[in-house]
Amino acid sequence: MTYLAGEGRANEHTEQHLVAGDHAIMARHGYAVLDAAAAREIGVALDTPRVAYGVEVTRQVRVADPETGELHSERVAADVWHCSLSLRAEEGQLSDEQWGTIAQQFVDRMGFTEASGKAPCRWVAVRHGLSKNGNDHVHIAVSLVREDGTKATTHNDYRRAQELCRTLEVEHGLMPVDSRERGMGERGVKPAETERAARTGAVEVDAHRLERTVRAAATASVDEGEFVRRMRCAGVLIRPRFAAGRDDVVAGYSVALRPADNERPVWFGGGRLARDLTLPRLREGWPDSPQTAQGAVDEWRATSKNPWQYRPVAPGREEHAPDPKLWEQYGRELRELRAQLREVPATDRATWAHVARETAGAFAAWSQRVEATPGPLAETARELSRSAHIRAHQSKPKPVRMGSASGAAMVLMQAAVGGEGPAAEAILFRQLGRLSVALIDAHKAAGDARRAEQMSESLRRTLEAIGERMPADARTAAAPATTATLSPEEEAVRRAQRGLAAPGTRSPLPNTLTPRPRTTSDTSRQQGGHNGREGDHDHGR
């Protein structure tokens, strides 16, 4: 209650007040703004049954170390049940009365009140303005010791709460959440991850950076062994999870960023990063043969011995810049894939998920090469990847004859500075944009208008942002003009492609990782006894 009535971690709490709750508490405190004294008084009132009956409520949980992220078992006090009910930012705000009704219905149906036929629990619903992301929400705090001293059950509370939220969304005309409606939800970010990023000055949480790295490497790889090697090239720690009692069967993997000195790495399993990045799901996009399987096992064994000093067993194409002739070939493959998709039913979610994962992977690969910090390419990859987050039972191997964006991802990630030239990259960008539009159309055809609308708005914004980053003196059409009527999404893609290269680069995007040409002042600094270190720093290394 002190936290809920306080300023919040980012000073986002304003006008903290109750909108519903235990009758006695509401009678005393009403809807007035809460101060610290009122919060403590409400906390005491909520806790009175537990203290009066001397009831202890604990739970065995897996707790993450705030420094290392490693999990360990711990028995903790569990006499308070707390959750938040939140709206999408674009839904605006509800009135206190509406939130009070929703909160009352929620706790009634969760079995915490006399509506359950048992003694009630004491509870309150606190509202304190929008979150830092603009979401209208309320917090619900429930004492799990009932008025007669018995304990309220929380069995399957997460599942029951999610199902109940879906029902309340329908009853109150609210937007349903994709993770419940379509099974395409993202993995949530834990508070410890956000706090770690803030503490280290990172621009994003480790999980998001790792997701983009894994997605790019997986899409650019033709087999599992190459995937392991590409993760090493990206400077990421990776280790296998062998099947019980085996060292030749890999069941999963985990990855971590290289930590600073004297810190321990924080490991994330593939499934923790995203539903479509588990090893079984990644394998659906790679060919399976005895040779590739053995090659993968050899690489996994090598990295399992010491992830810090892993050396590839059989280095491959990831060690070399791609042949410039491949740009045209991979552009042609993307065109062929786009043509094949015209025959894929919108209801074939597994195939469309493969397309979404590979298209997202290509944008992620490009982001890896040209964006020093997450930008519009990274945002585009993240938006597209949400269409790949289907449930495991819905997934199936990629059709053998289906085209692929793997080659495009490889050259976008691995090309030497500038690659084959601005036109080649612009052509790949155009084809990837068309695949993005195809995904939007598939969602529309499948009756998922809300997801199509979200993708359309997000991609229009990010692709236009890419176009805006292209210098004005380099903006020319990358494709022949057409008199056909374009959808808003296609027009956004077309506008975003009207650029060739920034001065000094050969990429459609300013390459923030490209060393700038040395100037006379740089040379004079080196001659002044800095041994090139100051110049290297200025060059963005």
Protein backbone atom coordinates (compact mmCIF):
# COMPACT_ATOMS: atom_id res chain seq x y z
CA MET A 1 0.00 0.00 0.00
CA THR A 2 2.93 2.33 0.62
CA TYR A 3 4.12 1.69 -2.92
CA LEU A 4 0.67 2.03 -4.49
CA ALA A 5 0.09 5.33 -2.74
CA GLY A 6 3.63 6.55 -3.39
CA GLU A 7 5.19 8.27 -6.40
CA GLY A 8 6.10 5.07 -8.26
CA ARG A 9 9.47 3.99 -9.62
CA ALA A 10 9.36 6.65 -12.36
CA ASN A 11 7.26 9.23 -10.47
CA GLU A 12 4.32 8.14 -12.61
CA HIS A 13 1.79 7.83 -9.75
CA THR A 14 -0.55 10.82 -9.46
CA GLU A 15 -3.83 11.36 -7.60
CA GLN A 16 -3.66 7.95 -5.95
CA HIS A 17 -7.11 6.94 -4.74
CA LEU A 18 -9.41 3.98 -4.19
CA VAL A 19 -12.04 3.05 -6.76
CA ALA A 20 -13.37 -0.09 -5.02
CA GLY A 21 -12.67 -2.37 -2.10
CA ASP A 22 -13.71 -3.71 1.28
CA HIS A 23 -16.84 -1.94 2.48
CA ALA A 24 -15.37 -0.75 5.79
CA ILE A 25 -12.21 0.57 4.13
CA MET A 26 -14.18 2.36 1.42
CA ALA A 27 -16.50 3.89 4.03
CA ARG A 28 -13.53 5.36 5.89
CA HIS A 29 -11.32 6.48 2.99
CA GLY A 30 -13.73 6.88 0.09
CA TYR A 31 -12.29 8.27 -3.13
CA ALA A 32 -9.98 10.90 -1.60
CA VAL A 33 -6.34 11.13 -2.67
CA LEU A 34 -4.25 8.83 -0.49
CA ASP A 35 -1.24 10.01 1.48
CA ALA A 36 1.36 7.91 3.27
CA ALA A 37 -0.60 7.85 6.55
CA ALA A 38 -3.79 6.69 4.80
CA ALA A 39 -1.85 4.01 2.92
CA ARG A 40 -0.43 2.62 6.18
CA GLU A 41 -3.86 2.66 7.79
CA ILE A 42 -5.37 0.76 4.87
CA GLY A 43 -2.50 -1.72 4.98
CA VAL A 44 -3.15 -2.39 8.66
CA ALA A 45 -6.87 -2.85 7.97
CA LEU A 46 -6.17 -5.33 5.16
CA ASP A 47 -3.81 -7.29 7.40
CA THR A 48 -6.06 -7.42 10.46
CA PRO A 49 -7.54 -10.93 9.91
CA ARG A 50 -4.09 -12.46 9.39
CA VAL A 51 -2.71 -10.82 12.54
CA ALA A 52 -5.82 -11.57 14.64
CA TYR A 53 -5.82 -15.28 13.78
CA GLY A 54 -2.03 -15.65 13.63
CA VAL A 55 -2.24 -17.25 10.19
CA GLU A 56 0.91 -17.68 8.11
CA VAL A 57 0.66 -17.90 4.33
CA THR A 58 3.87 -18.79 2.48
CA ARG A 59 4.82 -20.12 -0.91
CA GLN A 60 7.86 -21.90 -2.35
CA VAL A 61 8.99 -19.83 -5.33
CA ARG A 62 11.86 -19.54 -7.76
CA VAL A 63 13.46 -16.16 -7.17
CA ALA A 64 15.87 -14.43 -9.56
CA ASP A 65 19.01 -12.93 -8.08
CA PRO A 66 18.80 -9.18 -8.91
CA GLU A 67 22.48 -9.08 -9.84
CA THR A 68 23.04 -12.29 -11.78
CA GLY A 69 19.51 -13.28 -12.77
CA GLU A 70 20.13 -16.87 -11.62
CA LEU A 71 17.15 -18.67 -10.07
CA HIS A 72 17.03 -20.30 -6.64
CA SER A 73 14.25 -21.73 -4.44
CA GLU A 74 13.00 -19.68 -1.54
CA ARG A 75 9.97 -19.76 0.77
CA VAL A 76 8.42 -16.32 0.96
CA ALA A 77 5.44 -14.67 2.61
CA ALA A 78 2.44 -14.93 0.28
CA ASP A 79 -0.46 -13.47 2.22
CA VAL A 80 -1.02 -10.61 -0.26
CA TRP A 81 -2.34 -11.20 -3.78
CA HIS A 82 -1.58 -8.30 -6.12
CA CYS A 83 -2.28 -7.75 -9.79
CA SER A 84 -2.96 -4.89 -12.17
CA LEU A 85 -5.69 -4.57 -14.80
CA SER A 86 -4.55 -2.42 -17.69
CA LEU A 87 -5.94 -1.00 -20.92
CA ARG A 88 -4.13 -0.42 -24.19
CA ALA A 89 -2.84 3.15 -24.42
CA GLU A 90 -4.97 3.78 -27.51
CA GLU A 91 -8.18 2.86 -25.61
CA GLY A 92 -8.01 6.04 -23.57
CA GLN A 93 -9.30 6.08 -19.98
CA LEU A 94 -12.29 4.72 -18.08
CA SER A 95 -14.13 6.53 -15.33
CA ASP A 96 -13.64 5.64 -11.65
CA GLU A 97 -17.12 4.12 -11.67
CA GLN A 98 -16.27 1.86 -14.63
CA TRP A 99 -13.03 0.74 -13.03
CA GLY A 100 -14.84 0.15 -9.73
CA THR A 101 -17.38 -2.10 -11.45
CA ILE A 102 -14.69 -4.07 -13.31
CA ALA A 103 -12.60 -4.48 -10.16
CA GLN A 104 -15.58 -5.71 -8.14
CA GLN A 105 -16.55 -8.22 -10.83
CA PHE A 106 -12.95 -9.39 -11.05
CA VAL A 107 -12.47 -10.14 -7.34
CA ASP A 108 -15.98 -11.65 -7.08
CA ARG A 109 -15.27 -14.14 -9.88
CA MET A 110 -11.77 -14.88 -8.63
CA GLY A 111 -13.44 -16.14 -5.44
CA PHE A 112 -12.10 -13.55 -3.01
CA THR A 113 -15.42 -12.10 -1.82
CA GLU A 114 -18.62 -13.36 -0.22
CA ALA A 115 -19.85 -14.08 -3.76
CA SER A 116 -17.80 -17.29 -3.46
CA GLY A 117 -20.08 -18.51 -0.65
CA LYS A 118 -17.18 -18.23 1.82
CA ALA A 119 -16.04 -15.56 4.23
CA PRO A 120 -14.74 -12.56 2.27
CA CYS A 121 -11.15 -11.39 1.93
CA ARG A 122 -10.32 -7.76 2.51
CA TRP A 123 -9.22 -6.00 -0.66
CA VAL A 124 -8.84 -2.64 -2.39
CA ALA A 125 -8.45 -1.37 -5.96
CA VAL A 126 -6.12 1.63 -6.30
CA ARG A 127 -5.99 3.95 -9.29
CA HIS A 128 -3.14 6.38 -9.79
CA GLY A 129 -3.10 7.75 -13.31
CA LEU A 130 -1.47 6.44 -16.47
CA SER A 131 1.60 4.25 -16.55
CA LYS A 132 4.78 5.63 -18.12
CA ASN A 133 3.67 3.94 -21.37
CA GLY A 134 0.31 5.70 -21.30
CA ASN A 135 -1.84 2.79 -20.07
CA ASP A 136 -4.87 3.45 -17.88
CA HIS A 137 -4.89 0.83 -15.12
CA VAL A 138 -5.81 -0.11 -11.57
CA HIS A 139 -3.97 -2.19 -8.97
CA ILE A 140 -5.83 -4.78 -6.90
CA ALA A 141 -4.45 -5.89 -3.54
CA VAL A 142 -6.14 -8.75 -1.67
CA SER A 143 -5.42 -10.21 1.76
CA LEU A 144 -5.44 -14.01 1.38
CA VAL A 145 -6.60 -14.58 4.95
CA ARG A 146 -10.40 -14.46 5.05
CA GLU A 147 -12.45 -12.80 7.77
CA ASP A 148 -12.91 -16.17 9.52
CA GLY A 149 -9.17 -16.97 9.50
CA THR A 150 -9.26 -19.47 6.61
CA LYS A 151 -6.92 -19.13 3.65
CA ALA A 152 -8.13 -18.17 0.17
CA THR A 153 -6.92 -20.43 -2.61
CA THR A 154 -4.76 -19.14 -5.46
CA HIS A 155 -4.67 -22.42 -7.36
CA ASN A 156 -4.31 -21.74 -11.11
CA ASP A 157 -4.79 -18.05 -10.36
CA TYR A 158 -2.79 -16.89 -13.40
CA ARG A 159 -4.81 -18.96 -15.84
CA ARG A 160 -8.11 -18.09 -14.17
CA ALA A 161 -7.26 -14.38 -14.12
CA GLN A 162 -6.37 -14.42 -17.82
CA GLU A 163 -9.60 -16.20 -18.75
CA LEU A 164 -11.59 -13.81 -16.59
CA CYS A 165 -9.93 -10.79 -18.20
CA ARG A 166 -10.94 -12.11 -21.60
CA THR A 167 -14.55 -12.36 -20.41
CA LEU A 168 -14.50 -8.86 -18.92
CA GLU A 169 -13.02 -7.45 -22.14
CA VAL A 170 -16.03 -8.75 -24.04
CA GLU A 171 -18.59 -7.67 -21.43
CA HIS A 172 -17.24 -4.12 -21.23
CA GLY A 173 -16.44 -3.67 -24.94
CA LEU A 174 -12.67 -3.44 -24.42
CA MET A 175 -9.95 -4.43 -26.87
CA PRO A 176 -9.01 -8.11 -26.41
CA VAL A 177 -5.31 -8.81 -25.86
CA ASP A 178 -3.62 -10.72 -28.70
CA SER A 179 -1.87 -13.15 -26.35
CA ARG A 180 -5.26 -14.37 -25.13
CA GLU A 181 -7.26 -13.89 -28.32
CA ARG A 182 -4.78 -15.20 -30.90
CA GLY A 183 -2.00 -16.84 -28.93
CA MET A 184 0.57 -14.36 -30.26
CA GLY A 185 1.68 -12.74 -27.03
CA GLU A 186 5.25 -11.71 -26.32
CA ARG A 187 7.22 -12.82 -23.31
CA GLY A 188 6.98 -10.23 -20.57
CA VAL A 189 9.92 -8.24 -19.23
CA LYS A 190 10.56 -8.84 -15.55
CA PRO A 191 11.20 -5.89 -13.21
CA ALA A 192 14.69 -7.22 -12.40
CA GLU A 193 15.60 -7.04 -16.09
CA THR A 194 14.42 -3.45 -16.38
CA GLU A 195 16.26 -2.46 -13.22
CA ARG A 196 19.45 -4.13 -14.45
CA ALA A 197 19.28 -2.22 -17.74
CA ALA A 198 18.76 1.07 -15.89
CA ARG A 199 21.63 0.29 -13.53
CA THR A 200 24.07 -0.50 -16.33
CA GLY A 201 22.92 2.33 -18.60
CA ALA A 202 21.72 -0.06 -21.32
CA VAL A 203 19.25 1.30 -23.89
CA GLU A 204 17.24 -1.95 -23.81
CA VAL A 205 16.91 -5.00 -21.59
CA ASP A 206 19.28 -7.91 -22.26
CA ALA A 207 16.43 -10.16 -23.39
CA HIS A 208 15.45 -7.85 -26.26
CA ARG A 209 19.01 -7.49 -27.49
CA LEU A 210 19.54 -11.24 -27.31
CA GLU A 211 16.25 -11.92 -29.07
CA ARG A 212 17.28 -9.76 -32.01
CA THR A 213 20.73 -11.38 -32.15
CA VAL A 214 19.35 -14.93 -32.03
CA ARG A 215 16.66 -14.12 -34.60
CA ALA A 216 19.18 -12.63 -37.02
CA ALA A 217 21.67 -15.49 -36.63
CA ALA A 218 19.01 -18.19 -36.96
CA THR A 219 17.54 -16.66 -40.13
CA ALA A 220 20.94 -16.09 -41.75
CA SER A 221 22.04 -19.69 -41.09
CA VAL A 222 21.44 -22.62 -43.40
CA ASP A 223 21.79 -25.19 -40.62
CA GLU A 224 22.13 -25.57 -36.87
CA GLY A 225 25.92 -25.71 -36.81
CA GLU A 226 26.15 -22.39 -38.64
CA PHE A 227 23.70 -20.90 -36.15
CA VAL A 228 26.01 -21.79 -33.24
CA ARG A 229 28.99 -20.30 -35.05
CA ARG A 230 27.12 -17.11 -35.94
CA MET A 231 26.23 -16.57 -32.31
CA ARG A 232 29.96 -16.64 -31.55
CA CYS A 233 30.57 -14.09 -34.33
CA ALA A 234 27.98 -11.85 -32.67
CA GLY A 235 29.98 -11.92 -29.44
CA VAL A 236 27.24 -13.74 -27.52
CA LEU A 237 27.75 -16.62 -25.10
CA ILE A 238 25.80 -19.72 -26.06
CA ARG A 239 25.61 -23.16 -24.44
CA PRO A 240 23.57 -26.30 -25.13
CA ARG A 241 21.18 -28.20 -22.92
CA PHE A 242 21.80 -31.86 -23.58
CA ALA A 243 19.11 -34.49 -23.18
CA ALA A 244 19.29 -36.38 -19.87
CA GLY A 245 22.24 -38.75 -19.83
CA ARG A 246 23.37 -37.82 -23.36
CA ASP A 247 26.08 -35.69 -24.91
CA ASP A 248 25.01 -36.21 -28.50
CA VAL A 249 21.38 -35.02 -28.30
CA VAL A 250 20.76 -31.32 -27.76
CA ALA A 251 17.31 -30.47 -26.44
CA GLY A 252 17.68 -26.72 -26.05
CA TYR A 253 20.08 -23.85 -25.55
CA SER A 254 20.62 -20.68 -23.57
CA VAL A 255 22.41 -17.44 -24.40
CA ALA A 256 23.91 -14.54 -22.47
CA LEU A 257 25.62 -11.25 -23.16
CA ARG A 258 29.25 -11.10 -22.14
CA PRO A 259 29.22 -9.39 -18.73
CA ALA A 260 31.55 -6.73 -17.46
CA ASP A 261 34.53 -7.71 -15.32
CA ASN A 262 33.73 -9.55 -12.07
CA GLU A 263 30.10 -10.08 -13.06
CA ARG A 264 28.36 -13.34 -13.84
CA PRO A 265 26.48 -13.79 -17.12
CA VAL A 266 22.68 -13.76 -17.06
CA TRP A 267 21.45 -16.70 -19.14
CA PHE A 268 18.20 -16.82 -21.12
CA GLY A 269 16.70 -19.93 -22.68
CA GLY A 270 15.53 -19.58 -26.26
CA GLY A 271 11.89 -19.96 -25.21
CA ARG A 272 12.33 -17.18 -22.65
CA LEU A 273 13.30 -14.80 -25.46
CA ALA A 274 10.34 -15.63 -27.71
CA ARG A 275 8.00 -18.52 -28.44
CA ASP A 276 9.44 -19.04 -31.90
CA LEU A 277 13.09 -19.11 -30.78
CA THR A 278 13.09 -22.46 -28.98
CA LEU A 279 15.48 -24.96 -30.55
CA PRO A 280 12.67 -27.26 -31.80
CA ARG A 281 11.03 -24.27 -33.53
CA LEU A 282 14.29 -23.09 -35.08
CA ARG A 283 14.96 -26.59 -36.40
CA GLU A 284 11.70 -26.46 -38.34
CA GLY A 285 13.36 -23.98 -40.69
CA TRP A 286 16.60 -25.93 -41.27
CA PRO A 287 17.17 -29.05 -43.41
CA ASP A 288 17.67 -32.26 -41.47
CA SER A 289 20.31 -34.77 -42.52
CA PRO A 290 22.86 -37.00 -40.74
CA GLN A 291 25.68 -34.70 -41.87
CA THR A 292 24.14 -31.47 -40.63
CA ALA A 293 23.03 -33.14 -37.39
CA GLN A 294 26.55 -34.36 -36.67
CA GLY A 295 28.03 -30.98 -37.55
CA ALA A 296 25.65 -29.30 -35.11
CA VAL A 297 26.51 -31.73 -32.30
CA ASP A 298 30.22 -31.07 -32.85
CA GLU A 299 29.71 -27.31 -32.51
CA TRP A 300 27.47 -27.69 -29.45
CA ARG A 301 30.04 -29.91 -27.75
CA ALA A 302 32.75 -27.37 -28.45
CA THR A 303 30.83 -24.50 -26.91
CA SER A 304 29.66 -26.59 -23.93
CA LYS A 305 33.26 -27.12 -22.84
CA ASN A 306 33.84 -23.41 -22.36
CA PRO A 307 31.35 -20.87 -23.78
CA TRP A 308 33.86 -18.11 -23.09
CA GLN A 309 36.59 -19.59 -25.27
CA TYR A 310 34.49 -21.46 -27.86
CA ARG A 311 36.30 -22.05 -31.16
CA PRO A 312 34.33 -23.38 -34.13
CA VAL A 313 35.02 -26.95 -35.14
CA ALA A 314 34.29 -26.36 -38.82
CA PRO A 315 34.21 -22.63 -39.72
CA GLY A 316 31.95 -21.87 -42.66
CA ARG A 317 30.64 -19.04 -44.78
CA GLU A 318 30.08 -16.82 -41.74
CA GLU A 319 33.84 -16.16 -41.79
CA HIS A 320 33.80 -14.50 -45.22
CA ALA A 321 32.07 -11.61 -46.98
CA PRO A 322 29.42 -12.93 -49.40
CA ASP A 323 29.97 -12.97 -53.14
CA PRO A 324 28.50 -9.73 -54.61
CA LYS A 325 26.66 -11.83 -57.18
CA LEU A 326 24.50 -13.25 -54.39
CA TRP A 327 22.60 -9.96 -53.94
CA GLU A 328 20.74 -10.45 -57.18
CA GLN A 329 20.11 -14.13 -56.45
CA TYR A 330 18.63 -13.47 -53.02
CA GLY A 331 16.52 -10.61 -54.32
CA ARG A 332 15.11 -13.03 -56.89
CA GLU A 333 14.42 -15.60 -54.16
CA LEU A 334 12.41 -13.04 -52.21
CA ARG A 335 10.34 -12.27 -55.31
CA GLU A 336 9.70 -15.98 -55.80
CA LEU A 337 8.68 -16.37 -52.15
CA ARG A 338 6.25 -13.47 -52.52
CA ALA A 339 4.70 -15.17 -55.54
CA GLN A 340 4.39 -18.48 -53.67
CA LEU A 341 2.56 -16.80 -50.81
CA ARG A 342 -0.34 -16.00 -53.11
CA GLU A 343 -1.21 -19.71 -52.96
CA VAL A 344 -0.89 -20.06 -49.17
CA PRO A 345 -4.26 -19.95 -47.36
CA ALA A 346 -4.58 -17.27 -44.71
CA THR A 347 -5.60 -20.02 -42.28
CA ASP A 348 -2.21 -21.76 -42.63
CA ARG A 349 -0.80 -20.08 -39.54
CA ALA A 350 2.30 -22.30 -39.40
CA THR A 351 3.52 -21.27 -42.86
CA TRP A 352 2.78 -17.60 -42.28
CA ALA A 353 4.62 -17.83 -38.96
CA HIS A 354 7.71 -19.09 -40.82
CA VAL A 355 7.45 -16.15 -43.21
CA ALA A 356 7.07 -13.70 -40.32
CA ARG A 357 10.06 -15.17 -38.47
CA GLU A 358 12.32 -15.03 -41.53
CA THR A 359 11.25 -11.53 -42.59
CA ALA A 360 11.77 -10.32 -39.03
CA GLY A 361 15.13 -12.10 -39.00
CA ALA A 362 16.24 -10.29 -42.16
CA PHE A 363 15.39 -6.90 -40.65
CA ALA A 364 17.12 -7.95 -37.42
CA ALA A 365 20.22 -8.96 -39.39
CA TRP A 366 20.30 -5.60 -41.15
CA SER A 367 19.86 -3.85 -37.81
CA GLN A 368 22.81 -5.80 -36.42
CA ARG A 369 25.04 -4.38 -39.13
CA VAL A 370 23.98 -0.74 -39.41
CA GLU A 371 22.28 0.31 -36.16
CA ALA A 372 24.60 1.04 -33.26
CA THR A 373 21.53 1.28 -31.03
CA PRO A 374 18.05 -0.13 -31.70
CA GLY A 375 16.37 1.93 -34.41
CA PRO A 376 13.60 1.57 -37.01
CA LEU A 377 15.07 -1.64 -38.43
CA ALA A 378 15.09 -3.24 -34.99
CA GLU A 379 11.55 -2.00 -34.33
CA THR A 380 10.37 -3.42 -37.65
CA ALA A 381 11.92 -6.78 -36.80
CA ARG A 382 10.19 -6.80 -33.43
CA GLU A 383 6.79 -5.91 -34.88
CA LEU A 384 6.98 -8.62 -37.57
CA SER A 385 8.20 -11.24 -35.11
CA ARG A 386 4.94 -11.00 -33.16
CA SER A 387 3.21 -12.81 -36.03
CA ALA A 388 5.57 -15.75 -35.49
CA HIS A 389 4.61 -16.22 -31.83
CA ILE A 390 2.14 -19.05 -32.31
CA ARG A 391 1.67 -21.91 -29.88
CA ALA A 392 3.86 -24.99 -30.20
CA HIS A 393 1.00 -27.33 -31.18
CA GLN A 394 0.14 -25.03 -34.11
CA SER A 395 3.64 -25.11 -35.53
CA LYS A 396 4.99 -27.50 -38.15
CA PRO A 397 8.13 -27.76 -40.33
CA LYS A 398 8.53 -25.27 -43.12
CA PRO A 399 7.35 -26.60 -46.50
CA VAL A 400 10.32 -28.02 -48.40
CA ARG A 401 9.66 -26.07 -51.60
CA MET A 402 8.85 -22.81 -49.86
CA GLY A 403 11.20 -19.91 -50.65
CA SER A 404 13.26 -18.27 -47.97
CA ALA A 405 14.52 -14.93 -46.68
CA SER A 406 17.58 -16.64 -45.22
CA GLY A 407 19.91 -15.54 -48.00
CA ALA A 408 18.77 -11.93 -47.72
CA ALA A 409 19.41 -12.03 -43.99
CA MET A 410 22.88 -13.44 -44.56
CA VAL A 411 24.03 -10.73 -46.97
CA LEU A 412 22.37 -7.93 -44.99
CA MET A 413 24.17 -9.10 -41.86
CA GLN A 414 27.50 -10.10 -43.29
CA ALA A 415 28.22 -7.88 -46.29
CA ALA A 416 31.32 -5.76 -46.26
CA VAL A 417 30.74 -2.07 -45.67
CA GLY A 418 28.22 -0.99 -48.26
CA GLY A 419 27.78 -4.47 -49.70
CA GLU A 420 27.22 -4.62 -53.45
CA GLY A 421 25.93 -1.06 -53.55
CA PRO A 422 22.92 1.01 -52.61
CA ALA A 423 20.68 -0.29 -55.38
CA ALA A 424 21.17 -3.90 -54.31
CA GLU A 425 20.25 -3.17 -50.70
CA ALA A 426 17.29 -1.03 -51.78
CA ILE A 427 15.99 -3.90 -53.91
CA LEU A 428 16.16 -6.30 -50.95
CA PHE A 429 14.45 -3.69 -48.80
CA ARG A 430 11.65 -3.40 -51.35
CA GLN A 431 11.13 -7.16 -51.41
CA LEU A 432 11.16 -7.41 -47.62
CA GLY A 433 8.64 -4.58 -47.51
CA ARG A 434 6.37 -6.49 -49.87
CA LEU A 435 6.61 -9.56 -47.64
CA SER A 436 5.57 -7.36 -44.72
CA VAL A 437 2.54 -6.18 -46.68
CA ALA A 438 1.71 -9.82 -47.51
CA LEU A 439 1.68 -10.62 -43.78
CA ILE A 440 -0.70 -7.74 -43.12
CA ASP A 441 -2.98 -8.99 -45.90
CA ALA A 442 -2.88 -12.52 -44.45
CA HIS A 443 -4.03 -11.23 -41.06
CA LYS A 444 -6.86 -9.34 -42.70
CA ALA A 445 -7.94 -12.39 -44.71
CA ALA A 446 -7.85 -14.54 -41.57
CA GLY A 447 -10.26 -12.14 -39.85
CA ASP A 448 -7.60 -10.73 -37.52
CA ALA A 449 -8.33 -7.10 -38.36
CA ARG A 450 -6.91 -5.76 -35.10
CA ARG A 451 -3.51 -7.40 -35.61
CA ALA A 452 -3.46 -6.19 -39.24
CA GLU A 453 -4.22 -2.65 -38.05
CA GLN A 454 -1.47 -2.78 -35.44
CA MET A 455 1.07 -4.03 -37.97
CA SER A 456 -0.02 -1.50 -40.56
CA GLU A 457 0.36 1.45 -38.21
CA SER A 458 3.66 0.27 -36.75
CA LEU A 459 5.25 -0.63 -40.08
CA ARG A 460 4.08 2.59 -41.72
CA ARG A 461 5.71 4.56 -38.92
CA THR A 462 8.99 2.64 -38.81
CA LEU A 463 9.44 2.30 -42.57
CA GLU A 464 8.80 5.98 -43.02
CA ALA A 465 11.37 6.62 -40.29
CA ILE A 466 13.88 4.63 -42.32
CA GLY A 467 13.10 6.80 -45.33
CA GLU A 468 13.54 9.97 -43.29
CA ARG A 469 17.01 8.84 -42.25
CA MET A 470 18.07 8.75 -45.86
CA PRO A 471 19.73 12.01 -46.92
CA ALA A 472 17.68 14.26 -49.18
CA ASP A 473 20.41 14.41 -51.82
CA ALA A 474 20.37 10.63 -52.13
CA ARG A 475 16.62 10.11 -52.52
CA THR A 476 15.78 8.56 -55.88
CA ALA A 477 13.38 5.83 -56.86
CA ALA A 478 14.79 2.37 -56.27
CA ALA A 479 12.13 0.72 -58.38
CA PRO A 480 10.29 1.46 -61.63
CA ALA A 481 7.28 3.74 -61.25
CA THR A 482 3.87 2.12 -61.36
CA THR A 483 0.43 3.43 -62.10
CA ALA A 484 -1.21 0.80 -59.93
CA THR A 485 -3.10 1.96 -56.87
CA LEU A 486 -1.07 1.22 -53.74
CA SER A 487 -2.38 0.51 -50.28
CA PRO A 488 -1.19 2.88 -47.53
CA GLU A 489 1.20 0.18 -46.33
CA GLU A 490 2.68 -0.35 -49.78
CA GLU A 491 2.97 3.39 -50.29
CA ALA A 492 4.83 3.69 -46.96
CA VAL A 493 7.19 0.92 -48.05
CA ARG A 494 7.72 2.59 -51.43
CA ARG A 495 8.48 5.96 -49.83
CA ALA A 496 10.88 4.34 -47.42
CA GLN A 497 12.77 2.82 -50.33
CA ARG A 498 13.38 6.09 -52.19
CA GLY A 499 16.99 6.41 -51.17
CA LEU A 500 20.34 5.05 -52.13
CA ALA A 501 23.26 5.91 -49.94
CA ALA A 502 24.34 8.41 -47.37
CA PRO A 503 27.49 10.31 -48.30
CA GLY A 504 30.54 8.21 -47.51
CA THR A 505 28.60 4.93 -47.37
CA ARG A 506 27.00 2.56 -49.83
CA SER A 507 24.01 1.59 -47.74
CA PRO A 508 20.45 2.96 -47.90
CA LEU A 509 20.86 3.78 -44.22
CA PRO A 510 23.50 5.91 -42.53
CA ASN A 511 25.88 3.27 -41.21
CA THR A 512 26.72 4.37 -37.69
CA LEU A 513 29.26 1.57 -37.41
CA THR A 514 31.29 2.66 -40.45
CA PRO A 515 34.62 4.37 -39.62
CA ARG A 516 34.71 7.86 -41.09
CA PRO A 517 37.70 8.86 -43.26
CA ARG A 518 40.64 10.12 -41.28
CA THR A 519 41.22 13.86 -41.30
CA THR A 520 44.42 15.80 -40.94
CA SER A 521 43.60 16.43 -37.30
CA ASP A 522 43.21 12.68 -36.69
CA THR A 523 46.63 12.05 -38.21
CA SER A 524 48.24 14.78 -36.18
CA ARG A 525 46.78 13.34 -32.97
CA GLN A 526 48.27 9.95 -33.76
CA GLN A 527 51.62 11.55 -34.46
CA GLY A 528 51.34 13.34 -31.14
CA GLY A 529 51.96 10.11 -29.22
CA HIS A 530 48.48 8.55 -28.73
CA ASN A 531 49.37 5.44 -30.71
CA GLY A 532 46.08 5.66 -32.56
CA ARG A 533 43.86 5.08 -29.51
CA GLU A 534 42.23 8.48 -29.55
CA GLY A 535 41.67 8.24 -33.27
CA ASP A 536 40.12 4.76 -32.87
CA HIS A 537 37.73 6.11 -30.30
CA ASP A 538 36.68 8.93 -32.60
CA HIS A 539 36.04 6.41 -35.34
CA GLY A 540 33.31 4.75 -33.30
CA ARG A 541 35.05 1.46 -32.55
